[in-house]
């Protein structure tokens, strides 16, 4: 089941983010290595009704979904379309559930239940697992966007329209 996160889910959410940080570090990526996402970010996402959890008997996956991303205004490349879009950030699964299709279920939920006609997502150039998942799910590589941060700003941008 996928549902909006509640403040009482915070401990599980942060444990999943910790698992994700360790996994990302295992293939040498600097992404998420500065205690990101923080408790404050998770709480803000919960309060904004943006954070969703995938739950079976326990929470196994998380994602935050938004209607807009300012860093997507400039792209080196070209978006597939200018349709109104949803964007997913901070998608992650519990280490023991990795490879079981939870991220795909979360992404598909946005199309099926949040009325997305288009979705944009970005990832680090070293995050091959996410790149492979996006391609498997029919996303197309569109170009490079730049985050509003000092270092490690470049991200690969993908989009899928339905």
N, C-alpha and C. Protein backbone atom coordinates (compact mmCIF):
# COMPACT_ATOMS: atom_id res chain seq x y z
N UNK A 1 0.85 -1.18 0.00
CA UNK A 1 0.00 0.00 0.00
C UNK A 1 0.89 1.24 0.00
N UNK A 2 0.49 2.23 -0.77
CA UNK A 2 1.19 3.51 -0.79
C UNK A 2 0.25 4.54 -0.18
N UNK A 3 0.79 5.35 0.72
CA UNK A 3 -0.02 6.35 1.42
C UNK A 3 0.85 7.55 1.76
N UNK A 4 0.18 8.64 2.13
CA UNK A 4 0.92 9.81 2.63
C UNK A 4 1.60 9.45 3.94
N UNK A 5 2.79 9.97 4.12
CA UNK A 5 3.53 9.74 5.36
C UNK A 5 2.94 10.58 6.50
N UNK A 6 3.13 10.08 7.71
CA UNK A 6 2.70 10.78 8.93
C UNK A 6 3.93 11.06 9.78
N UNK A 7 3.85 12.03 10.67
CA UNK A 7 4.99 12.29 11.56
C UNK A 7 5.44 11.04 12.33
N UNK A 8 4.52 10.17 12.65
CA UNK A 8 4.89 8.95 13.39
C UNK A 8 5.72 7.98 12.54
N UNK A 9 5.80 8.21 11.23
CA UNK A 9 6.62 7.38 10.34
C UNK A 9 8.07 7.82 10.28
N UNK A 10 8.38 8.94 10.90
CA UNK A 10 9.69 9.58 10.71
C UNK A 10 10.87 8.65 11.00
N UNK A 11 10.82 7.89 12.06
CA UNK A 11 11.94 6.99 12.40
C UNK A 11 12.21 6.01 11.26
N UNK A 12 11.16 5.44 10.69
CA UNK A 12 11.32 4.49 9.58
C UNK A 12 11.82 5.19 8.32
N UNK A 13 11.32 6.38 8.06
CA UNK A 13 11.75 7.14 6.90
C UNK A 13 13.24 7.45 6.98
N UNK A 14 13.68 7.90 8.15
CA UNK A 14 15.09 8.25 8.31
C UNK A 14 15.98 7.02 8.21
N UNK A 15 15.50 5.86 8.66
CA UNK A 15 16.28 4.62 8.53
C UNK A 15 16.43 4.25 7.06
N UNK A 16 15.39 4.47 6.27
CA UNK A 16 15.47 4.18 4.83
C UNK A 16 16.44 5.15 4.16
N UNK A 17 16.40 6.43 4.53
CA UNK A 17 17.36 7.39 3.98
C UNK A 17 18.79 6.99 4.34
N UNK A 18 19.00 6.49 5.55
CA UNK A 18 20.33 6.03 5.97
C UNK A 18 20.78 4.86 5.10
N UNK A 19 19.90 3.89 4.88
CA UNK A 19 20.21 2.77 3.99
C UNK A 19 20.60 3.27 2.61
N UNK A 20 19.84 4.23 2.10
CA UNK A 20 20.11 4.77 0.76
C UNK A 20 21.46 5.47 0.71
N UNK A 21 21.78 6.26 1.75
CA UNK A 21 23.09 6.93 1.79
C UNK A 21 24.22 5.92 1.72
N UNK A 22 24.09 4.83 2.47
CA UNK A 22 25.13 3.79 2.48
C UNK A 22 25.23 3.12 1.12
N UNK A 23 24.10 2.85 0.49
CA UNK A 23 24.11 2.22 -0.84
C UNK A 23 24.75 3.16 -1.86
N UNK A 24 24.38 4.42 -1.84
CA UNK A 24 24.93 5.40 -2.77
C UNK A 24 26.45 5.54 -2.56
N UNK A 25 26.88 5.56 -1.31
CA UNK A 25 28.31 5.65 -1.02
C UNK A 25 29.06 4.42 -1.53
N UNK A 26 28.40 3.27 -1.56
CA UNK A 26 29.06 2.02 -1.96
C UNK A 26 29.54 2.05 -3.41
N UNK A 27 28.94 2.89 -4.25
CA UNK A 27 29.43 2.98 -5.63
C UNK A 27 30.12 4.32 -5.89
N UNK A 28 30.58 4.97 -4.82
CA UNK A 28 31.45 6.13 -4.93
C UNK A 28 30.79 7.45 -5.23
N UNK A 29 29.48 7.54 -5.11
CA UNK A 29 28.80 8.80 -5.40
C UNK A 29 28.79 9.71 -4.19
N UNK A 30 29.00 11.01 -4.40
CA UNK A 30 28.90 11.97 -3.30
C UNK A 30 27.45 12.36 -2.98
N UNK A 31 26.51 11.92 -3.82
CA UNK A 31 25.10 12.27 -3.62
C UNK A 31 24.63 11.77 -2.25
N UNK A 32 23.88 12.62 -1.54
CA UNK A 32 23.25 12.30 -0.25
C UNK A 32 24.27 12.06 0.88
N UNK A 33 25.51 12.44 0.73
CA UNK A 33 26.50 12.09 1.74
C UNK A 33 26.66 13.13 2.84
N UNK A 34 25.91 14.20 2.80
CA UNK A 34 26.00 15.23 3.85
C UNK A 34 24.75 15.22 4.73
N UNK A 35 24.42 14.06 5.27
CA UNK A 35 23.23 13.88 6.12
C UNK A 35 21.98 14.43 5.41
N UNK A 36 21.88 14.12 4.15
CA UNK A 36 20.73 14.50 3.34
C UNK A 36 20.03 13.22 2.94
N UNK A 37 18.77 13.20 2.94
CA UNK A 37 17.80 14.17 3.43
C UNK A 37 17.77 14.21 4.96
N UNK A 38 17.62 15.40 5.47
CA UNK A 38 17.62 15.62 6.92
C UNK A 38 16.24 15.38 7.52
N UNK A 39 16.20 15.30 8.84
CA UNK A 39 14.93 15.19 9.56
C UNK A 39 14.04 16.39 9.22
N UNK A 40 14.64 17.58 9.14
CA UNK A 40 13.88 18.79 8.85
C UNK A 40 13.24 18.72 7.46
N UNK A 41 13.98 18.22 6.49
CA UNK A 41 13.43 18.08 5.13
C UNK A 41 12.30 17.07 5.13
N UNK A 42 12.50 15.95 5.81
CA UNK A 42 11.44 14.93 5.86
C UNK A 42 10.18 15.48 6.52
N UNK A 43 10.34 16.19 7.62
CA UNK A 43 9.18 16.77 8.30
C UNK A 43 8.47 17.80 7.43
N UNK A 44 9.24 18.61 6.73
CA UNK A 44 8.64 19.60 5.83
C UNK A 44 7.85 18.91 4.72
N UNK A 45 8.42 17.83 4.17
CA UNK A 45 7.72 17.08 3.13
C UNK A 45 6.44 16.45 3.68
N UNK A 46 6.49 15.94 4.90
CA UNK A 46 5.29 15.36 5.52
C UNK A 46 4.23 16.44 5.71
N UNK A 47 4.64 17.58 6.25
CA UNK A 47 3.69 18.68 6.51
C UNK A 47 3.10 19.23 5.22
N UNK A 48 3.84 19.11 4.11
CA UNK A 48 3.36 19.60 2.81
C UNK A 48 2.56 18.55 2.05
N UNK A 49 2.32 17.41 2.68
CA UNK A 49 1.63 16.29 2.01
C UNK A 49 2.35 15.89 0.73
N UNK A 50 3.67 15.90 0.77
CA UNK A 50 4.48 15.54 -0.39
C UNK A 50 5.19 14.20 -0.22
N UNK A 51 5.31 13.71 1.01
CA UNK A 51 6.07 12.49 1.27
C UNK A 51 5.13 11.29 1.34
N UNK A 52 5.44 10.30 0.51
CA UNK A 52 4.65 9.07 0.45
C UNK A 52 5.49 7.90 0.91
N UNK A 53 4.84 6.90 1.50
CA UNK A 53 5.53 5.69 1.92
C UNK A 53 4.89 4.48 1.24
N UNK A 54 5.73 3.50 0.96
CA UNK A 54 5.27 2.19 0.49
C UNK A 54 5.34 1.28 1.71
N UNK A 55 4.20 0.69 2.04
CA UNK A 55 4.11 -0.08 3.27
C UNK A 55 3.48 -1.44 3.00
N UNK A 56 4.11 -2.47 3.51
CA UNK A 56 3.48 -3.78 3.55
C UNK A 56 3.21 -4.02 5.04
N UNK A 57 4.00 -4.83 5.71
CA UNK A 57 3.86 -4.94 7.16
C UNK A 57 4.67 -3.84 7.86
N UNK A 58 5.57 -3.25 7.11
CA UNK A 58 6.38 -2.13 7.58
C UNK A 58 6.66 -1.22 6.40
N UNK A 59 7.22 -0.05 6.67
CA UNK A 59 7.55 0.89 5.60
C UNK A 59 8.82 0.40 4.90
N UNK A 60 8.70 0.21 3.59
CA UNK A 60 9.81 -0.33 2.81
C UNK A 60 10.36 0.65 1.77
N UNK A 61 9.61 1.72 1.51
CA UNK A 61 10.06 2.68 0.51
C UNK A 61 9.44 4.05 0.74
N UNK A 62 10.11 5.07 0.21
CA UNK A 62 9.65 6.45 0.38
C UNK A 62 9.92 7.25 -0.89
N UNK A 63 9.15 8.31 -1.07
CA UNK A 63 9.40 9.28 -2.15
C UNK A 63 8.68 10.57 -1.79
N UNK A 64 9.19 11.67 -2.30
CA UNK A 64 8.51 12.96 -2.18
C UNK A 64 8.12 13.40 -3.58
N UNK A 65 6.89 13.91 -3.70
CA UNK A 65 6.33 14.27 -5.01
C UNK A 65 5.90 15.73 -4.98
N UNK A 66 6.29 16.46 -6.02
CA UNK A 66 5.99 17.89 -6.12
C UNK A 66 5.45 18.21 -7.51
N UNK A 67 4.85 19.39 -7.63
CA UNK A 67 4.30 19.84 -8.90
C UNK A 67 5.26 20.69 -9.72
N UNK A 68 6.41 21.02 -9.13
CA UNK A 68 7.32 21.96 -9.82
C UNK A 68 8.71 21.82 -9.22
N UNK A 69 9.71 22.09 -10.03
CA UNK A 69 11.09 22.11 -9.56
C UNK A 69 11.80 23.26 -10.27
N UNK A 70 12.24 24.25 -9.49
CA UNK A 70 12.85 25.45 -10.07
C UNK A 70 14.13 25.14 -10.85
N UNK A 71 14.90 24.14 -10.42
CA UNK A 71 16.14 23.85 -11.13
C UNK A 71 15.88 23.24 -12.51
N UNK A 72 14.63 22.91 -12.81
CA UNK A 72 14.31 22.36 -14.13
C UNK A 72 14.01 23.45 -15.15
N UNK A 73 14.05 24.71 -14.74
CA UNK A 73 13.81 25.82 -15.67
C UNK A 73 14.89 25.89 -16.74
N UNK A 74 16.14 25.55 -16.37
CA UNK A 74 17.24 25.55 -17.34
C UNK A 74 17.75 24.12 -17.48
N UNK A 75 17.82 23.66 -18.70
CA UNK A 75 18.36 22.33 -18.98
C UNK A 75 19.31 22.43 -20.16
N UNK A 76 20.45 21.78 -20.04
CA UNK A 76 21.34 21.60 -21.20
C UNK A 76 20.80 20.38 -21.92
N UNK A 77 20.00 20.62 -22.92
CA UNK A 77 19.28 19.58 -23.62
C UNK A 77 17.87 20.08 -23.85
N UNK A 78 16.90 19.18 -23.84
CA UNK A 78 15.52 19.59 -24.09
C UNK A 78 14.57 18.61 -23.43
N UNK A 79 13.60 19.15 -22.68
CA UNK A 79 12.55 18.33 -22.11
C UNK A 79 11.69 17.77 -23.23
N UNK A 80 11.07 16.62 -23.00
CA UNK A 80 10.19 16.00 -24.00
C UNK A 80 9.01 16.88 -24.34
N UNK A 81 8.46 17.54 -23.30
CA UNK A 81 7.29 18.37 -23.51
C UNK A 81 7.25 19.45 -22.43
N UNK A 82 6.32 20.36 -22.60
CA UNK A 82 6.08 21.38 -21.58
C UNK A 82 4.79 21.12 -20.83
N UNK A 83 4.32 19.89 -20.87
CA UNK A 83 3.11 19.52 -20.12
C UNK A 83 3.33 19.80 -18.63
N UNK A 84 2.26 20.11 -17.90
CA UNK A 84 2.41 20.17 -16.44
C UNK A 84 2.93 18.81 -15.97
N UNK A 85 3.85 18.84 -15.03
CA UNK A 85 4.52 17.61 -14.63
C UNK A 85 4.55 17.46 -13.11
N UNK A 86 4.79 16.24 -12.70
CA UNK A 86 5.12 15.92 -11.31
C UNK A 86 6.61 15.63 -11.28
N UNK A 87 7.22 15.88 -10.15
CA UNK A 87 8.63 15.56 -9.97
C UNK A 87 8.77 14.72 -8.72
N UNK A 88 9.62 13.71 -8.80
CA UNK A 88 9.91 12.87 -7.64
C UNK A 88 11.30 13.21 -7.14
N UNK A 89 11.40 13.40 -5.85
CA UNK A 89 12.68 13.57 -5.17
C UNK A 89 12.75 12.57 -4.02
N UNK A 90 13.95 12.31 -3.59
CA UNK A 90 14.19 11.53 -2.37
C UNK A 90 13.48 10.18 -2.37
N UNK A 91 13.58 9.47 -3.49
CA UNK A 91 13.02 8.13 -3.56
C UNK A 91 14.06 7.14 -3.06
N UNK A 92 13.64 6.24 -2.20
CA UNK A 92 14.58 5.28 -1.61
C UNK A 92 13.81 4.08 -1.07
N UNK A 93 14.52 2.96 -0.97
CA UNK A 93 13.93 1.75 -0.39
C UNK A 93 14.82 1.22 0.73
N UNK A 94 14.20 0.48 1.59
CA UNK A 94 14.91 -0.17 2.69
C UNK A 94 15.91 -1.16 2.08
N UNK A 95 17.10 -1.27 2.66
CA UNK A 95 18.15 -2.12 2.10
C UNK A 95 17.67 -3.55 1.88
N UNK A 96 16.93 -4.10 2.81
CA UNK A 96 16.48 -5.49 2.71
C UNK A 96 15.42 -5.69 1.62
N UNK A 97 14.88 -4.60 1.09
CA UNK A 97 13.85 -4.68 0.06
C UNK A 97 14.34 -4.23 -1.31
N UNK A 98 15.60 -3.89 -1.41
CA UNK A 98 16.15 -3.44 -2.68
C UNK A 98 16.03 -4.54 -3.73
N UNK A 99 15.68 -4.14 -4.95
CA UNK A 99 15.56 -5.10 -6.04
C UNK A 99 14.21 -5.79 -6.12
N UNK A 100 13.25 -5.37 -5.31
CA UNK A 100 11.94 -6.02 -5.29
C UNK A 100 10.86 -5.20 -5.99
N UNK A 101 11.27 -4.18 -6.74
CA UNK A 101 10.31 -3.42 -7.54
C UNK A 101 9.57 -2.32 -6.80
N UNK A 102 9.99 -1.99 -5.60
CA UNK A 102 9.28 -0.98 -4.81
C UNK A 102 9.41 0.41 -5.44
N UNK A 103 10.60 0.77 -5.89
CA UNK A 103 10.77 2.08 -6.52
C UNK A 103 9.89 2.21 -7.76
N UNK A 104 9.79 1.14 -8.54
CA UNK A 104 8.93 1.17 -9.73
C UNK A 104 7.48 1.35 -9.32
N UNK A 105 7.05 0.69 -8.27
CA UNK A 105 5.67 0.84 -7.79
C UNK A 105 5.41 2.28 -7.33
N UNK A 106 6.39 2.87 -6.65
CA UNK A 106 6.24 4.25 -6.20
C UNK A 106 6.11 5.19 -7.40
N UNK A 107 6.99 5.03 -8.38
CA UNK A 107 6.95 5.90 -9.56
C UNK A 107 5.63 5.72 -10.31
N UNK A 108 5.22 4.49 -10.51
CA UNK A 108 3.96 4.24 -11.23
C UNK A 108 2.76 4.79 -10.47
N UNK A 109 2.82 4.82 -9.15
CA UNK A 109 1.74 5.37 -8.33
C UNK A 109 1.47 6.84 -8.71
N UNK A 110 2.52 7.56 -9.00
CA UNK A 110 2.36 8.99 -9.35
C UNK A 110 1.54 9.13 -10.63
N UNK A 111 1.79 8.27 -11.61
CA UNK A 111 1.00 8.31 -12.83
C UNK A 111 -0.43 7.83 -12.58
N UNK A 112 -0.56 6.75 -11.85
CA UNK A 112 -1.86 6.09 -11.70
C UNK A 112 -2.80 6.76 -10.69
N UNK A 113 -2.25 7.37 -9.65
CA UNK A 113 -3.10 7.89 -8.57
C UNK A 113 -2.97 9.39 -8.30
N UNK A 114 -1.93 10.02 -8.84
CA UNK A 114 -1.76 11.46 -8.63
C UNK A 114 -2.00 12.24 -9.92
N UNK A 115 -2.57 11.58 -10.90
CA UNK A 115 -2.99 12.22 -12.15
C UNK A 115 -1.87 12.86 -12.94
N UNK A 116 -0.67 12.32 -12.86
CA UNK A 116 0.45 12.87 -13.63
C UNK A 116 0.31 12.48 -15.09
N UNK A 117 0.42 13.46 -15.97
CA UNK A 117 0.48 13.22 -17.41
C UNK A 117 1.93 13.25 -17.89
N UNK A 118 2.78 13.80 -17.02
CA UNK A 118 4.20 13.90 -17.31
C UNK A 118 4.95 13.85 -15.99
N UNK A 119 6.13 13.24 -16.03
CA UNK A 119 6.95 13.21 -14.83
C UNK A 119 8.39 13.50 -15.20
N UNK A 120 9.02 14.30 -14.36
CA UNK A 120 10.44 14.61 -14.52
C UNK A 120 11.16 14.16 -13.26
N UNK A 121 12.37 13.69 -13.44
CA UNK A 121 13.17 13.22 -12.32
C UNK A 121 14.64 13.40 -12.70
N UNK A 122 15.47 13.64 -11.71
CA UNK A 122 16.90 13.76 -11.98
C UNK A 122 17.68 12.86 -11.05
N UNK A 123 18.88 12.52 -11.47
CA UNK A 123 19.73 11.67 -10.65
C UNK A 123 21.19 11.95 -10.95
N UNK A 124 22.03 11.52 -10.06
CA UNK A 124 23.47 11.70 -10.19
C UNK A 124 24.02 10.82 -11.31
N UNK A 125 25.06 11.29 -11.98
CA UNK A 125 25.65 10.51 -13.08
C UNK A 125 26.21 9.17 -12.62
N UNK A 126 26.54 9.04 -11.33
CA UNK A 126 27.04 7.77 -10.82
C UNK A 126 25.93 6.84 -10.32
N UNK A 127 24.70 7.32 -10.30
CA UNK A 127 23.59 6.51 -9.80
C UNK A 127 23.03 5.64 -10.94
N UNK A 128 23.81 4.64 -11.30
CA UNK A 128 23.42 3.74 -12.39
C UNK A 128 22.16 2.94 -12.07
N UNK A 129 21.96 2.49 -10.82
CA UNK A 129 20.71 1.78 -10.53
C UNK A 129 19.47 2.62 -10.85
N UNK A 130 19.47 3.90 -10.50
CA UNK A 130 18.31 4.75 -10.79
C UNK A 130 18.21 5.01 -12.29
N UNK A 131 19.32 5.26 -12.96
CA UNK A 131 19.28 5.47 -14.41
C UNK A 131 18.68 4.25 -15.12
N UNK A 132 19.12 3.07 -14.71
CA UNK A 132 18.61 1.84 -15.33
C UNK A 132 17.12 1.66 -15.07
N UNK A 133 16.67 1.97 -13.85
CA UNK A 133 15.25 1.86 -13.53
C UNK A 133 14.43 2.82 -14.38
N UNK A 134 14.89 4.05 -14.50
CA UNK A 134 14.15 5.04 -15.28
C UNK A 134 14.02 4.61 -16.74
N UNK A 135 15.08 4.11 -17.31
CA UNK A 135 15.03 3.65 -18.70
C UNK A 135 14.08 2.45 -18.81
N UNK A 136 14.15 1.53 -17.86
CA UNK A 136 13.26 0.37 -17.85
C UNK A 136 11.79 0.79 -17.78
N UNK A 137 11.51 1.89 -17.06
CA UNK A 137 10.13 2.37 -16.91
C UNK A 137 9.68 3.28 -18.05
N UNK A 138 10.53 3.49 -19.04
CA UNK A 138 10.15 4.27 -20.21
C UNK A 138 10.48 5.74 -20.15
N UNK A 139 11.29 6.16 -19.20
CA UNK A 139 11.73 7.55 -19.15
C UNK A 139 12.79 7.75 -20.22
N UNK A 140 12.87 8.99 -20.71
CA UNK A 140 13.89 9.33 -21.69
C UNK A 140 14.85 10.35 -21.10
N UNK A 141 16.13 10.15 -21.40
CA UNK A 141 17.15 11.11 -20.97
C UNK A 141 16.96 12.39 -21.76
N UNK A 142 16.92 13.52 -21.06
CA UNK A 142 16.66 14.81 -21.70
C UNK A 142 17.85 15.77 -21.67
N UNK A 143 18.76 15.61 -20.72
CA UNK A 143 19.89 16.51 -20.62
C UNK A 143 20.38 16.65 -19.20
N UNK A 144 21.04 17.77 -18.95
CA UNK A 144 21.66 18.02 -17.64
C UNK A 144 21.01 19.25 -17.00
N UNK A 145 20.67 19.12 -15.72
CA UNK A 145 20.20 20.26 -14.93
C UNK A 145 21.24 20.50 -13.84
N UNK A 146 21.14 21.67 -13.21
CA UNK A 146 22.10 22.04 -12.17
C UNK A 146 21.37 22.40 -10.89
N UNK A 147 21.77 21.75 -9.80
CA UNK A 147 21.17 22.01 -8.49
C UNK A 147 21.68 23.33 -7.93
N UNK A 148 20.93 23.90 -7.01
CA UNK A 148 21.32 25.14 -6.33
C UNK A 148 22.19 24.81 -5.13
N UNK A 149 23.40 24.35 -5.40
CA UNK A 149 24.35 24.05 -4.33
C UNK A 149 25.75 24.32 -4.86
N UNK A 150 26.70 24.41 -3.94
CA UNK A 150 28.06 24.82 -4.32
C UNK A 150 28.81 23.73 -5.08
N UNK A 151 28.78 22.51 -4.57
CA UNK A 151 29.53 21.43 -5.20
C UNK A 151 28.57 20.35 -5.70
N UNK A 152 29.06 19.53 -6.61
CA UNK A 152 28.31 18.38 -7.10
C UNK A 152 26.92 18.79 -7.57
N UNK A 153 26.86 19.75 -8.47
CA UNK A 153 25.59 20.36 -8.89
C UNK A 153 24.93 19.66 -10.07
N UNK A 154 25.69 18.98 -10.87
CA UNK A 154 25.19 18.43 -12.12
C UNK A 154 24.35 17.17 -11.90
N UNK A 155 23.18 17.12 -12.56
CA UNK A 155 22.31 15.94 -12.48
C UNK A 155 21.79 15.60 -13.87
N UNK A 156 21.61 14.33 -14.11
CA UNK A 156 21.03 13.85 -15.36
C UNK A 156 19.51 13.95 -15.23
N UNK A 157 18.86 14.52 -16.23
CA UNK A 157 17.42 14.76 -16.18
C UNK A 157 16.68 13.83 -17.14
N UNK A 158 15.58 13.29 -16.64
CA UNK A 158 14.74 12.36 -17.39
C UNK A 158 13.30 12.83 -17.36
N UNK A 159 12.54 12.42 -18.38
CA UNK A 159 11.11 12.75 -18.41
C UNK A 159 10.36 11.60 -19.07
N UNK A 160 9.12 11.42 -18.62
CA UNK A 160 8.20 10.48 -19.25
C UNK A 160 6.84 11.13 -19.33
N UNK A 161 6.26 11.10 -20.51
CA UNK A 161 4.91 11.60 -20.72
C UNK A 161 3.99 10.41 -21.00
N UNK A 162 2.72 10.56 -20.59
CA UNK A 162 1.75 9.52 -20.96
C UNK A 162 0.58 10.19 -21.68
